[in-house]
């Protein structure tokens, strides 16, 4: 402990000795040649220096003791026992550092827990299409390819959701912003989900100006649109309903909306539908909800700088809108 103290104050001790020697040299050059007085002054300086260092060591003794001992726990290490301004400020800094460390650990733990819970739910839900395909393969009649395709599509959608959830942690490394033709991207996603529309007898109608282009990440935006289309069809239980996919532009801000004629969302559930793992009343009705679709859509929109807005009327349908901030393009005014 004393060695650590001396190492910390070595520069100060050397400076004091040099200062005393310099003052004595000035007196010597000025003609003051009394050796006894010079020795007395030097001894007094050493005594004063030693007294100062002794008092300082006594004040910092507990501080050095804590530095050189292994703390039994974090709370013991963060106890405030400093007396000097330096040690007090150091302890305050360590407490702020510990709070930052706690926040990062809790964030990592929450992310790991969320990922594990999602995987458990996903694995449980993937058993259903696998069981259906297994039963279809055991039937003696001719294989129902349409049913097999439907179950394969469910598996593919589930895998896409898992992959996107895993990539969310490295979103910035996987992001590529470009100008995307909105109608073409939406039409592509409608085509990819055509079997879903046909099986549920829901008919999509696209009303998007071909001139509309938005600055976004094409891959992530296709994933969001796919989630919105899937949710819209999933919660439209009646046949021969329509799904309206429209876009409008107001003062350069483009809004893409997906409006269904499904069962709608209860007002009590609406503020929480973008929370992770929240299924609500509708999720319990369908039995296929993981509570992650709108959560991932909200997270991706936030990171891309877009806004996700949801309005709904129970029994009438739901409208989910993606708002793209000001787009520098000529779209012919407002529509």
C-alpha atoms as a PDB file:
ATOM      1  CA  UNK A   1       0.000   0.000   0.000  1.00  0.00           C
ATOM      2  CA  UNK A   2       2.811   2.418   0.932  1.00  0.00           C
ATOM      3  CA  UNK A   3       4.609   1.551  -2.277  1.00  0.00           C
ATOM      4  CA  UNK A   4       1.533   2.471  -4.294  1.00  0.00           C
ATOM      5  CA  UNK A   5       1.256   5.775  -2.423  1.00  0.00           C
ATOM      6  CA  UNK A   6       4.922   6.631  -3.032  1.00  0.00           C
ATOM      7  CA  UNK A   7       4.648   5.765  -6.725  1.00  0.00           C
ATOM      8  CA  UNK A   8       1.637   8.056  -7.031  1.00  0.00           C
ATOM      9  CA  UNK A   9       3.455  10.950  -5.313  1.00  0.00           C
ATOM     10  CA  UNK A  10       6.963  10.351  -6.648  1.00  0.00           C
ATOM     11  CA  UNK A  11       6.787  13.252  -9.069  1.00  0.00           C
ATOM     12  CA  UNK A  12       5.517  15.576  -6.327  1.00  0.00           C
ATOM     13  CA  UNK A  13       8.353  14.538  -3.941  1.00  0.00           C
ATOM     14  CA  UNK A  14      11.023  15.068  -6.587  1.00  0.00           C
ATOM     15  CA  UNK A  15       9.531  18.453  -7.486  1.00  0.00           C
ATOM     16  CA  UNK A  16       9.562  19.584  -3.825  1.00  0.00           C
ATOM     17  CA  UNK A  17      13.181  18.508  -3.366  1.00  0.00           C
ATOM     18  CA  UNK A  18      14.241  20.311  -6.525  1.00  0.00           C
ATOM     19  CA  UNK A  19      12.331  23.408  -5.430  1.00  0.00           C
ATOM     20  CA  UNK A  20      14.076  23.490  -2.033  1.00  0.00           C
ATOM     21  CA  UNK A  21      17.439  22.933  -3.711  1.00  0.00           C
ATOM     22  CA  UNK A  22      16.763  25.714  -6.206  1.00  0.00           C
ATOM     23  CA  UNK A  23      15.847  28.176  -3.438  1.00  0.00           C
ATOM     24  CA  UNK A  24      18.994  27.294  -1.455  1.00  0.00           C
ATOM     25  CA  UNK A  25      21.095  27.754  -4.600  1.00  0.00           C
ATOM     26  CA  UNK A  26      19.613  31.235  -5.119  1.00  0.00           C
ATOM     27  CA  UNK A  27      20.553  32.209  -1.552  1.00  0.00           C
ATOM     28  CA  UNK A  28      24.071  30.786  -2.072  1.00  0.00           C
ATOM     29  CA  UNK A  29      24.568  32.769  -5.268  1.00  0.00           C
ATOM     30  CA  UNK A  30      23.261  35.893  -3.561  1.00  0.00           C
ATOM     31  CA  UNK A  31      26.048  35.628  -1.011  1.00  0.00           C
ATOM     32  CA  UNK A  32      24.280  33.896   1.828  1.00  0.00           C
ATOM     33  CA  UNK A  33      26.831  31.253   2.822  1.00  0.00           C
ATOM     34  CA  UNK A  34      25.582  30.135   6.270  1.00  0.00           C
ATOM     35  CA  UNK A  35      25.739  26.341   6.022  1.00  0.00           C
ATOM     36  CA  UNK A  36      23.937  25.644   9.316  1.00  0.00           C
ATOM     37  CA  UNK A  37      20.939  27.731   8.287  1.00  0.00           C
ATOM     38  CA  UNK A  38      20.812  25.997   4.876  1.00  0.00           C
ATOM     39  CA  UNK A  39      20.872  22.561   6.506  1.00  0.00           C
ATOM     40  CA  UNK A  40      18.226  23.647   9.021  1.00  0.00           C
ATOM     41  CA  UNK A  41      16.002  24.944   6.207  1.00  0.00           C
ATOM     42  CA  UNK A  42      16.425  21.735   4.249  1.00  0.00           C
ATOM     43  CA  UNK A  43      15.525  19.588   7.277  1.00  0.00           C
ATOM     44  CA  UNK A  44      12.468  21.733   8.040  1.00  0.00           C
ATOM     45  CA  UNK A  45      11.366  21.380   4.410  1.00  0.00           C
ATOM     46  CA  UNK A  46      11.728  17.604   4.620  1.00  0.00           C
ATOM     47  CA  UNK A  47       9.723  17.517   7.859  1.00  0.00           C
ATOM     48  CA  UNK A  48       6.947  19.617   6.352  1.00  0.00           C
ATOM     49  CA  UNK A  49       6.931  17.452   3.225  1.00  0.00           C
ATOM     50  CA  UNK A  50       6.832  14.278   5.297  1.00  0.00           C
ATOM     51  CA  UNK A  51       4.020  15.652   7.480  1.00  0.00           C
ATOM     52  CA  UNK A  52       1.986  16.580   4.414  1.00  0.00           C
ATOM     53  CA  UNK A  53       2.515  13.139   2.851  1.00  0.00           C
ATOM     54  CA  UNK A  54       1.706  11.424   6.160  1.00  0.00           C
ATOM     55  CA  UNK A  55      -1.577  13.262   6.572  1.00  0.00           C
ATOM     56  CA  UNK A  56      -2.440  12.611   2.932  1.00  0.00           C
ATOM     57  CA  UNK A  57      -1.629   8.912   3.308  1.00  0.00           C
ATOM     58  CA  UNK A  58      -3.842   8.685   6.390  1.00  0.00           C
ATOM     59  CA  UNK A  59      -6.720  10.325   4.509  1.00  0.00           C
ATOM     60  CA  UNK A  60      -6.347   7.973   1.545  1.00  0.00           C
ATOM     61  CA  UNK A  61      -5.570   4.831   3.540  1.00  0.00           C
ATOM     62  CA  UNK A  62      -9.075   3.370   3.216  1.00  0.00           C
ATOM     63  CA  UNK A  63      -9.089   4.225  -0.482  1.00  0.00           C
ATOM     64  CA  UNK A  64      -5.832   2.368  -1.126  1.00  0.00           C
ATOM     65  CA  UNK A  65      -7.008  -0.523   1.029  1.00  0.00           C
ATOM     66  CA  UNK A  66     -10.093  -0.920  -1.154  1.00  0.00           C
ATOM     67  CA  UNK A  67      -8.033  -0.696  -4.331  1.00  0.00           C
ATOM     68  CA  UNK A  68      -5.641  -3.432  -3.248  1.00  0.00           C
ATOM     69  CA  UNK A  69      -8.255  -5.858  -1.878  1.00  0.00           C
ATOM     70  CA  UNK A  70     -10.666  -8.054  -3.836  1.00  0.00           C
ATOM     71  CA  UNK A  71     -14.242  -6.880  -3.163  1.00  0.00           C
ATOM     72  CA  UNK A  72     -16.657  -9.616  -2.024  1.00  0.00           C
ATOM     73  CA  UNK A  73     -19.451  -8.095  -4.138  1.00  0.00           C
ATOM     74  CA  UNK A  74     -20.222  -5.119  -6.345  1.00  0.00           C
ATOM     75  CA  UNK A  75     -22.105  -3.225  -3.629  1.00  0.00           C
ATOM     76  CA  UNK A  76     -19.018  -3.344  -1.390  1.00  0.00           C
ATOM     77  CA  UNK A  77     -16.847  -1.999  -4.195  1.00  0.00           C
ATOM     78  CA  UNK A  78     -19.224   0.939  -4.750  1.00  0.00           C
ATOM     79  CA  UNK A  79     -19.381   2.078  -1.115  1.00  0.00           C
ATOM     80  CA  UNK A  80     -18.694   5.767  -0.744  1.00  0.00           C
ATOM     81  CA  UNK A  81     -15.853   6.193   1.758  1.00  0.00           C
ATOM     82  CA  UNK A  82     -13.747   8.844   0.051  1.00  0.00           C
ATOM     83  CA  UNK A  83     -12.601  11.928   1.922  1.00  0.00           C
ATOM     84  CA  UNK A  84     -10.632  13.878  -0.664  1.00  0.00           C
ATOM     85  CA  UNK A  85     -12.361  15.507  -3.641  1.00  0.00           C
ATOM     86  CA  UNK A  86     -10.479  13.188  -5.996  1.00  0.00           C
ATOM     87  CA  UNK A  87     -11.614   9.973  -4.323  1.00  0.00           C
ATOM     88  CA  UNK A  88     -15.189  11.262  -3.953  1.00  0.00           C
ATOM     89  CA  UNK A  89     -15.329  12.107  -7.658  1.00  0.00           C
ATOM     90  CA  UNK A  90     -13.779   8.734  -8.539  1.00  0.00           C
ATOM     91  CA  UNK A  91     -16.439   6.928  -6.541  1.00  0.00           C
ATOM     92  CA  UNK A  92     -19.192   8.946  -8.236  1.00  0.00           C
ATOM     93  CA  UNK A  93     -17.721   8.052 -11.606  1.00  0.00           C
ATOM     94  CA  UNK A  94     -17.600   4.356 -10.682  1.00  0.00           C
ATOM     95  CA  UNK A  95     -21.254   4.431  -9.640  1.00  0.00           C
ATOM     96  CA  UNK A  96     -22.257   6.033 -12.954  1.00  0.00           C
ATOM     97  CA  UNK A  97     -20.155   3.430 -14.775  1.00  0.00           C
ATOM     98  CA  UNK A  98     -21.854   0.641 -12.831  1.00  0.00           C
ATOM     99  CA  UNK A  99     -25.317   1.990 -13.699  1.00  0.00           C
ATOM    100  CA  UNK A 100     -24.320   2.064 -17.369  1.00  0.00           C
ATOM    101  CA  UNK A 101     -23.027  -1.495 -17.066  1.00  0.00           C
ATOM    102  CA  UNK A 102     -26.293  -2.600 -15.435  1.00  0.00           C
ATOM    103  CA  UNK A 103     -28.323  -1.016 -18.238  1.00  0.00           C
ATOM    104  CA  UNK A 104     -26.279  -2.771 -20.932  1.00  0.00           C
ATOM    105  CA  UNK A 105     -26.469  -6.119 -19.141  1.00  0.00           C
ATOM    106  CA  UNK A 106     -30.231  -5.778 -18.702  1.00  0.00           C
ATOM    107  CA  UNK A 107     -30.618  -4.864 -22.386  1.00  0.00           C
ATOM    108  CA  UNK A 108     -28.606  -7.909 -23.438  1.00  0.00           C
ATOM    109  CA  UNK A 109     -30.532 -10.151 -21.065  1.00  0.00           C
ATOM    110  CA  UNK A 110     -33.881  -8.794 -22.291  1.00  0.00           C
ATOM    111  CA  UNK A 111     -32.841  -9.339 -25.901  1.00  0.00           C
ATOM    112  CA  UNK A 112     -31.675 -12.865 -25.178  1.00  0.00           C
ATOM    113  CA  UNK A 113     -34.875 -13.663 -23.268  1.00  0.00           C
ATOM    114  CA  UNK A 114     -37.022 -12.228 -26.056  1.00  0.00           C
ATOM    115  CA  UNK A 115     -35.150 -14.230 -28.673  1.00  0.00           C
ATOM    116  CA  UNK A 116     -35.420 -17.454 -26.657  1.00  0.00           C
ATOM    117  CA  UNK A 117     -39.130 -16.951 -26.017  1.00  0.00           C
ATOM    118  CA  UNK A 118     -39.741 -16.234 -29.684  1.00  0.00           C
ATOM    119  CA  UNK A 119     -37.842 -19.350 -30.779  1.00  0.00           C
ATOM    120  CA  UNK A 120     -39.828 -21.484 -28.332  1.00  0.00           C
ATOM    121  CA  UNK A 121     -43.119 -20.125 -29.657  1.00  0.00           C
ATOM    122  CA  UNK A 122     -42.003 -20.453 -33.260  1.00  0.00           C
ATOM    123  CA  UNK A 123     -40.917 -24.083 -32.815  1.00  0.00           C
ATOM    124  CA  UNK A 124     -44.277 -24.855 -31.192  1.00  0.00           C
ATOM    125  CA  UNK A 125     -46.188 -23.258 -34.077  1.00  0.00           C
ATOM    126  CA  UNK A 126     -44.083 -24.930 -36.762  1.00  0.00           C
ATOM    127  CA  UNK A 127     -45.252 -28.288 -35.435  1.00  0.00           C
ATOM    128  CA  UNK A 128     -48.720 -27.582 -36.845  1.00  0.00           C
ATOM    129  CA  UNK A 129     -47.810 -27.399 -40.565  1.00  0.00           C
ATOM    130  CA  UNK A 130     -45.424 -30.322 -40.158  1.00  0.00           C
ATOM    131  CA  UNK A 131     -48.176 -32.406 -38.555  1.00  0.00           C
ATOM    132  CA  UNK A 132     -50.612 -31.450 -41.324  1.00  0.00           C
ATOM    133  CA  UNK A 133     -48.134 -32.457 -44.031  1.00  0.00           C
ATOM    134  CA  UNK A 134     -47.435 -35.709 -42.223  1.00  0.00           C
ATOM    135  CA  UNK A 135     -51.168 -36.538 -42.156  1.00  0.00           C
ATOM    136  CA  UNK A 136     -51.566 -35.606 -45.819  1.00  0.00           C
ATOM    137  CA  UNK A 137     -48.714 -37.934 -46.779  1.00  0.00           C
ATOM    138  CA  UNK A 138     -50.370 -40.804 -44.912  1.00  0.00           C
ATOM    139  CA  UNK A 139     -53.667 -40.526 -46.773  1.00  0.00           C
ATOM    140  CA  UNK A 140     -54.213 -43.274 -49.395  1.00  0.00           C
ATOM    141  CA  UNK A 141     -55.819 -40.835 -51.850  1.00  0.00           C
ATOM    142  CA  UNK A 142     -53.895 -38.696 -54.288  1.00  0.00           C
ATOM    143  CA  UNK A 143     -51.695 -36.126 -52.584  1.00  0.00           C
ATOM    144  CA  UNK A 144     -53.381 -32.747 -52.134  1.00  0.00           C
ATOM    145  CA  UNK A 145     -50.677 -30.480 -53.547  1.00  0.00           C
ATOM    146  CA  UNK A 146     -52.598 -27.291 -52.780  1.00  0.00           C
ATOM    147  CA  UNK A 147     -52.718 -28.141 -49.084  1.00  0.00           C
ATOM    148  CA  UNK A 148     -49.033 -29.060 -49.102  1.00  0.00           C
ATOM    149  CA  UNK A 149     -48.182 -25.728 -50.740  1.00  0.00           C
ATOM    150  CA  UNK A 150     -50.210 -23.872 -48.126  1.00  0.00           C
ATOM    151  CA  UNK A 151     -48.353 -25.542 -45.281  1.00  0.00           C
ATOM    152  CA  UNK A 152     -45.001 -24.967 -47.000  1.00  0.00           C
ATOM    153  CA  UNK A 153     -45.896 -21.277 -47.305  1.00  0.00           C
ATOM    154  CA  UNK A 154     -46.616 -21.181 -43.575  1.00  0.00           C
ATOM    155  CA  UNK A 155     -43.231 -22.746 -42.880  1.00  0.00           C
ATOM    156  CA  UNK A 156     -41.506 -20.287 -45.209  1.00  0.00           C
ATOM    157  CA  UNK A 157     -43.223 -17.316 -43.571  1.00  0.00           C
ATOM    158  CA  UNK A 158     -42.176 -18.572 -40.147  1.00  0.00           C
ATOM    159  CA  UNK A 159     -38.575 -19.040 -41.244  1.00  0.00           C
ATOM    160  CA  UNK A 160     -38.496 -15.538 -42.731  1.00  0.00           C
ATOM    161  CA  UNK A 161     -39.741 -14.097 -39.453  1.00  0.00           C
ATOM    162  CA  UNK A 162     -37.082 -15.964 -37.463  1.00  0.00           C
ATOM    163  CA  UNK A 163     -34.313 -14.854 -39.810  1.00  0.00           C
ATOM    164  CA  UNK A 164     -35.410 -11.223 -39.714  1.00  0.00           C
ATOM    165  CA  UNK A 165     -35.638 -11.323 -35.924  1.00  0.00           C
ATOM    166  CA  UNK A 166     -32.077 -12.669 -35.764  1.00  0.00           C
ATOM    167  CA  UNK A 167     -30.809 -10.002 -38.177  1.00  0.00           C
ATOM    168  CA  UNK A 168     -32.417  -7.214 -36.193  1.00  0.00           C
ATOM    169  CA  UNK A 169     -29.415  -7.147 -33.827  1.00  0.00           C
ATOM    170  CA  UNK A 170     -27.103  -6.362 -36.753  1.00  0.00           C
ATOM    171  CA  UNK A 171     -29.600  -4.161 -38.565  1.00  0.00           C
ATOM    172  CA  UNK A 172     -27.180  -1.337 -39.412  1.00  0.00           C
ATOM    173  CA  UNK A 173     -24.732  -3.747 -41.061  1.00  0.00           C
ATOM    174  CA  UNK A 174     -27.509  -5.265 -43.177  1.00  0.00           C
ATOM    175  CA  UNK A 175     -29.219  -2.032 -44.212  1.00  0.00           C
ATOM    176  CA  UNK A 176     -29.010  -0.569 -47.729  1.00  0.00           C
ATOM    177  CA  UNK A 177     -31.065   2.543 -48.452  1.00  0.00           C
ATOM    178  CA  UNK A 178     -32.105   3.075 -52.071  1.00  0.00           C
ATOM    179  CA  UNK A 179     -34.910   4.567 -54.135  1.00  0.00           C
ATOM    180  CA  UNK A 180     -37.602   1.916 -54.489  1.00  0.00           C
ATOM    181  CA  UNK A 181     -40.596   1.977 -56.832  1.00  0.00           C
ATOM    182  CA  UNK A 182     -43.464   1.531 -54.391  1.00  0.00           C
ATOM    183  CA  UNK A 183     -46.090  -0.039 -56.659  1.00  0.00           C
ATOM    184  CA  UNK A 184     -43.646  -2.597 -58.059  1.00  0.00           C
ATOM    185  CA  UNK A 185     -42.539  -3.676 -54.589  1.00  0.00           C
ATOM    186  CA  UNK A 186     -46.131  -4.028 -53.355  1.00  0.00           C
ATOM    187  CA  UNK A 187     -47.172  -5.944 -56.476  1.00  0.00           C
ATOM    188  CA  UNK A 188     -44.257  -8.309 -55.958  1.00  0.00           C
ATOM    189  CA  UNK A 189     -45.350  -9.052 -52.390  1.00  0.00           C
ATOM    190  CA  UNK A 190     -48.973  -9.557 -53.455  1.00  0.00           C
ATOM    191  CA  UNK A 191     -47.799 -12.059 -56.074  1.00  0.00           C
ATOM    192  CA  UNK A 192     -45.698 -13.913 -53.502  1.00  0.00           C
ATOM    193  CA  UNK A 193     -48.759 -14.260 -51.260  1.00  0.00           C
ATOM    194  CA  UNK A 194     -51.288 -15.043 -53.995  1.00  0.00           C
ATOM    195  CA  UNK A 195     -51.901 -18.592 -52.735  1.00  0.00           C
ATOM    196  CA  UNK A 196     -52.759 -17.158 -49.331  1.00  0.00           C
ATOM    197  CA  UNK A 197     -55.265 -14.762 -50.892  1.00  0.00           C
ATOM    198  CA  UNK A 198     -56.806 -17.520 -52.995  1.00  0.00           C
ATOM    199  CA  UNK A 199     -57.120 -19.995 -50.103  1.00  0.00           C
ATOM    200  CA  UNK A 200     -58.804 -17.402 -47.863  1.00  0.00           C
ATOM    201  CA  UNK A 201     -60.755 -15.850 -50.760  1.00  0.00           C
ATOM    202  CA  UNK A 202     -59.549 -12.356 -49.999  1.00  0.00           C
ATOM    203  CA  UNK A 203     -59.035 -10.116 -53.011  1.00  0.00           C
ATOM    204  CA  UNK A 204     -56.334  -7.437 -52.950  1.00  0.00           C
ATOM    205  CA  UNK A 205     -56.791  -4.129 -54.739  1.00  0.00           C
ATOM    206  CA  UNK A 206     -53.719  -1.991 -55.398  1.00  0.00           C
ATOM    207  CA  UNK A 207     -54.162   1.736 -55.770  1.00  0.00           C
ATOM    208  CA  UNK A 208     -50.639   3.145 -55.965  1.00  0.00           C
ATOM    209  CA  UNK A 209     -49.323   5.695 -58.453  1.00  0.00           C
ATOM    210  CA  UNK A 210     -46.459   4.241 -60.479  1.00  0.00           C
ATOM    211  CA  UNK A 211     -44.500   7.458 -59.995  1.00  0.00           C
ATOM    212  CA  UNK A 212     -44.220   7.005 -56.236  1.00  0.00           C
ATOM    213  CA  UNK A 213     -40.701   6.167 -55.121  1.00  0.00           C
ATOM    214  CA  UNK A 214     -39.488   5.972 -51.540  1.00  0.00           C
ATOM    215  CA  UNK A 215     -36.053   5.924 -49.947  1.00  0.00           C
ATOM    216  CA  UNK A 216     -35.910   2.718 -47.926  1.00  0.00           C
ATOM    217  CA  UNK A 217     -34.287  -0.685 -47.622  1.00  0.00           C
ATOM    218  CA  UNK A 218     -35.994  -2.921 -50.175  1.00  0.00           C
ATOM    219  CA  UNK A 219     -35.482  -6.208 -48.347  1.00  0.00           C
ATOM    220  CA  UNK A 220     -36.683  -4.976 -44.960  1.00  0.00           C
ATOM    221  CA  UNK A 221     -39.620  -3.103 -46.461  1.00  0.00           C
ATOM    222  CA  UNK A 222     -40.736  -6.227 -48.350  1.00  0.00           C
ATOM    223  CA  UNK A 223     -40.667  -8.070 -45.031  1.00  0.00           C
ATOM    224  CA  UNK A 224     -42.856  -5.395 -43.385  1.00  0.00           C
ATOM    225  CA  UNK A 225     -45.356  -5.393 -46.256  1.00  0.00           C
ATOM    226  CA  UNK A 226     -45.452  -9.190 -46.162  1.00  0.00           C
ATOM    227  CA  UNK A 227     -46.252  -9.086 -42.437  1.00  0.00           C
ATOM    228  CA  UNK A 228     -49.036  -6.560 -42.992  1.00  0.00           C
ATOM    229  CA  UNK A 229     -50.569  -8.588 -45.827  1.00  0.00           C
ATOM    230  CA  UNK A 230     -50.381 -11.820 -43.822  1.00  0.00           C
ATOM    231  CA  UNK A 231     -51.983 -10.218 -40.765  1.00  0.00           C
ATOM    232  CA  UNK A 232     -54.731  -8.658 -42.872  1.00  0.00           C
ATOM    233  CA  UNK A 233     -55.657 -12.006 -44.413  1.00  0.00           C
ATOM    234  CA  UNK A 234     -55.223 -13.958 -41.170  1.00  0.00           C
ATOM    235  CA  UNK A 235     -57.782 -11.852 -39.328  1.00  0.00           C
ATOM    236  CA  UNK A 236     -60.300 -11.721 -42.182  1.00  0.00           C
ATOM    237  CA  UNK A 237     -62.437 -14.738 -41.317  1.00  0.00           C
ATOM    238  CA  UNK A 238     -65.220 -14.161 -43.866  1.00  0.00           C
ATOM    239  CA  UNK A 239     -64.809 -15.005 -47.530  1.00  0.00           C
ATOM    240  CA  UNK A 240     -65.064 -12.672 -50.537  1.00  0.00           C
ATOM    241  CA  UNK A 241     -63.635  -9.719 -48.652  1.00  0.00           C
ATOM    242  CA  UNK A 242     -61.272  -7.167 -50.152  1.00  0.00           C
ATOM    243  CA  UNK A 243     -57.874  -5.897 -49.096  1.00  0.00           C
ATOM    244  CA  UNK A 244     -57.092  -2.342 -50.160  1.00  0.00           C
ATOM    245  CA  UNK A 245     -53.459  -1.341 -50.638  1.00  0.00           C
ATOM    246  CA  UNK A 246     -53.211   2.361 -51.343  1.00  0.00           C
ATOM    247  CA  UNK A 247     -50.648   5.152 -51.305  1.00  0.00           C
ATOM    248  CA  UNK A 248     -51.046   8.890 -51.062  1.00  0.00           C
ATOM    249  CA  UNK A 249     -48.662  11.827 -51.149  1.00  0.00           C
ATOM    250  CA  UNK A 250     -49.083  15.051 -49.199  1.00  0.00           C
ATOM    251  CA  UNK A 251     -46.379  17.717 -49.410  1.00  0.00           C
ATOM    252  CA  UNK A 252     -43.778  15.140 -50.354  1.00  0.00           C
ATOM    253  CA  UNK A 253     -44.654  12.710 -47.551  1.00  0.00           C
ATOM    254  CA  UNK A 254     -45.835   9.362 -48.921  1.00  0.00           C
ATOM    255  CA  UNK A 255     -48.172   7.149 -46.904  1.00  0.00           C
ATOM    256  CA  UNK A 256     -48.677   3.479 -47.778  1.00  0.00           C
ATOM    257  CA  UNK A 257     -51.788   1.969 -46.194  1.00  0.00           C
ATOM    258  CA  UNK A 258     -53.050  -1.616 -45.989  1.00  0.00           C
ATOM    259  CA  UNK A 259     -56.760  -1.726 -45.174  1.00  0.00           C
ATOM    260  CA  UNK A 260     -58.637  -4.964 -44.561  1.00  0.00           C
ATOM    261  CA  UNK A 261     -62.262  -5.839 -43.920  1.00  0.00           C
ATOM    262  CA  UNK A 262     -61.533  -8.206 -41.088  1.00  0.00           C
ATOM    263  CA  UNK A 263     -62.614  -8.429 -37.481  1.00  0.00           C
ATOM    264  CA  UNK A 264     -60.703  -5.349 -36.371  1.00  0.00           C
ATOM    265  CA  UNK A 265     -58.725  -4.799 -33.179  1.00  0.00           C
ATOM    266  CA  UNK A 266     -60.412  -4.133 -29.813  1.00  0.00           C
ATOM    267  CA  UNK A 267     -59.675  -0.595 -28.507  1.00  0.00           C
ATOM    268  CA  UNK A 268     -58.100  -2.058 -25.357  1.00  0.00           C
ATOM    269  CA  UNK A 269     -55.577  -4.018 -27.450  1.00  0.00           C
ATOM    270  CA  UNK A 270     -54.720  -1.295 -29.968  1.00  0.00           C
ATOM    271  CA  UNK A 271     -52.021   0.512 -27.892  1.00  0.00           C
ATOM    272  CA  UNK A 272     -50.221  -2.799 -27.258  1.00  0.00           C
ATOM    273  CA  UNK A 273     -50.291  -4.577 -30.615  1.00  0.00           C
ATOM    274  CA  UNK A 274     -46.701  -3.521 -31.385  1.00  0.00           C
ATOM    275  CA  UNK A 275     -45.354  -4.933 -28.116  1.00  0.00           C
ATOM    276  CA  UNK A 276     -43.302  -8.114 -28.335  1.00  0.00           C
ATOM    277  CA  UNK A 277     -45.325 -11.336 -27.824  1.00  0.00           C
ATOM    278  CA  UNK A 278     -48.614  -9.503 -27.392  1.00  0.00           C
ATOM    279  CA  UNK A 279     -51.356 -11.540 -29.072  1.00  0.00           C
ATOM    280  CA  UNK A 280     -54.525 -10.025 -27.613  1.00  0.00           C
ATOM    281  CA  UNK A 281     -58.049 -11.257 -28.176  1.00  0.00           C
ATOM    282  CA  UNK A 282     -57.593 -11.745 -31.923  1.00  0.00           C
ATOM    283  CA  UNK A 283     -54.465 -13.820 -31.438  1.00  0.00           C
ATOM    284  CA  UNK A 284     -56.336 -16.191 -29.179  1.00  0.00           C
ATOM    285  CA  UNK A 285     -59.099 -16.488 -31.784  1.00  0.00           C
ATOM    286  CA  UNK A 286     -56.758 -17.431 -34.636  1.00  0.00           C
ATOM    287  CA  UNK A 287     -54.405 -19.559 -32.551  1.00  0.00           C
ATOM    288  CA  UNK A 288     -51.550 -18.775 -34.953  1.00  0.00           C
ATOM    289  CA  UNK A 289     -50.225 -15.526 -33.533  1.00  0.00           C
ATOM    290  CA  UNK A 290     -46.706 -15.200 -32.130  1.00  0.00           C
ATOM    291  CA  UNK A 291     -47.157 -11.541 -31.223  1.00  0.00           C
ATOM    292  CA  UNK A 292     -43.970 -10.675 -33.126  1.00  0.00           C
ATOM    293  CA  UNK A 293     -45.165  -9.563 -36.575  1.00  0.00           C
ATOM    294  CA  UNK A 294     -46.207  -5.998 -35.763  1.00  0.00           C
ATOM    295  CA  UNK A 295     -43.428  -5.722 -33.181  1.00  0.00           C
ATOM    296  CA  UNK A 296     -40.797  -6.447 -35.828  1.00  0.00           C
ATOM    297  CA  UNK A 297     -42.557  -4.126 -38.276  1.00  0.00           C
ATOM    298  CA  UNK A 298     -42.484  -1.319 -35.699  1.00  0.00           C
ATOM    299  CA  UNK A 299     -38.815  -1.945 -34.871  1.00  0.00           C
ATOM    300  CA  UNK A 300     -37.753  -1.952 -38.520  1.00  0.00           C
ATOM    301  CA  UNK A 301     -39.764   1.201 -39.279  1.00  0.00           C
ATOM    302  CA  UNK A 302     -38.139   3.010 -36.362  1.00  0.00           C
ATOM    303  CA  UNK A 303     -34.661   2.088 -37.551  1.00  0.00           C
ATOM    304  CA  UNK A 304     -35.432   3.070 -41.135  1.00  0.00           C
ATOM    305  CA  UNK A 305     -36.858   6.416 -40.050  1.00  0.00           C
ATOM    306  CA  UNK A 306     -40.432   5.567 -41.071  1.00  0.00           C
ATOM    307  CA  UNK A 307     -43.590   5.754 -38.981  1.00  0.00           C
ATOM    308  CA  UNK A 308     -46.056   2.925 -38.396  1.00  0.00           C
ATOM    309  CA  UNK A 309     -49.651   3.979 -37.685  1.00  0.00           C
ATOM    310  CA  UNK A 310     -52.537   1.644 -36.840  1.00  0.00           C
ATOM    311  CA  UNK A 311     -56.236   2.465 -36.766  1.00  0.00           C
ATOM    312  CA  UNK A 312     -59.032  -0.058 -36.330  1.00  0.00           C
ATOM    313  CA  UNK A 313     -62.756  -0.435 -35.788  1.00  0.00           C
ATOM    314  CA  UNK A 314     -63.965  -3.770 -34.339  1.00  0.00           C
ATOM    315  CA  UNK A 315     -66.126  -5.585 -36.861  1.00  0.00           C
ATOM    316  CA  UNK A 316     -65.137  -3.242 -39.694  1.00  0.00           C
ATOM    317  CA  UNK A 317     -61.433  -3.772 -40.259  1.00  0.00           C
ATOM    318  CA  UNK A 318     -57.957  -2.439 -39.616  1.00  0.00           C
ATOM    319  CA  UNK A 319     -55.749   0.019 -41.466  1.00  0.00           C
ATOM    320  CA  UNK A 320     -51.987  -0.094 -41.007  1.00  0.00           C
ATOM    321  CA  UNK A 321     -50.054   2.773 -42.573  1.00  0.00           C
ATOM    322  CA  UNK A 322     -46.356   3.274 -43.213  1.00  0.00           C
ATOM    323  CA  UNK A 323     -45.390   6.942 -43.431  1.00  0.00           C
ATOM    324  CA  UNK A 324     -42.288   7.741 -45.459  1.00  0.00           C
ATOM    325  CA  UNK A 325     -40.920  11.208 -44.600  1.00  0.00           C
ATOM    326  CA  UNK A 326     -40.428  13.845 -47.265  1.00  0.00           C
ATOM    327  CA  UNK A 327     -39.372  12.244 -50.552  1.00  0.00           C
ATOM    328  CA  UNK A 328     -37.519  14.470 -53.026  1.00  0.00           C
ATOM    329  CA  UNK A 329     -39.309  13.581 -56.208  1.00  0.00           C
ATOM    330  CA  UNK A 330     -41.948  14.890 -58.562  1.00  0.00           C
ATOM    331  CA  UNK A 331     -45.133  12.935 -57.835  1.00  0.00           C
ATOM    332  CA  UNK A 332     -47.575  15.369 -59.298  1.00  0.00           C
ATOM    333  CA  UNK A 333     -48.800  16.961 -56.061  1.00  0.00           C
ATOM    334  CA  UNK A 334     -51.186  15.382 -53.573  1.00  0.00           C
ATOM    335  CA  UNK A 335     -53.374  12.374 -54.308  1.00  0.00           C
END
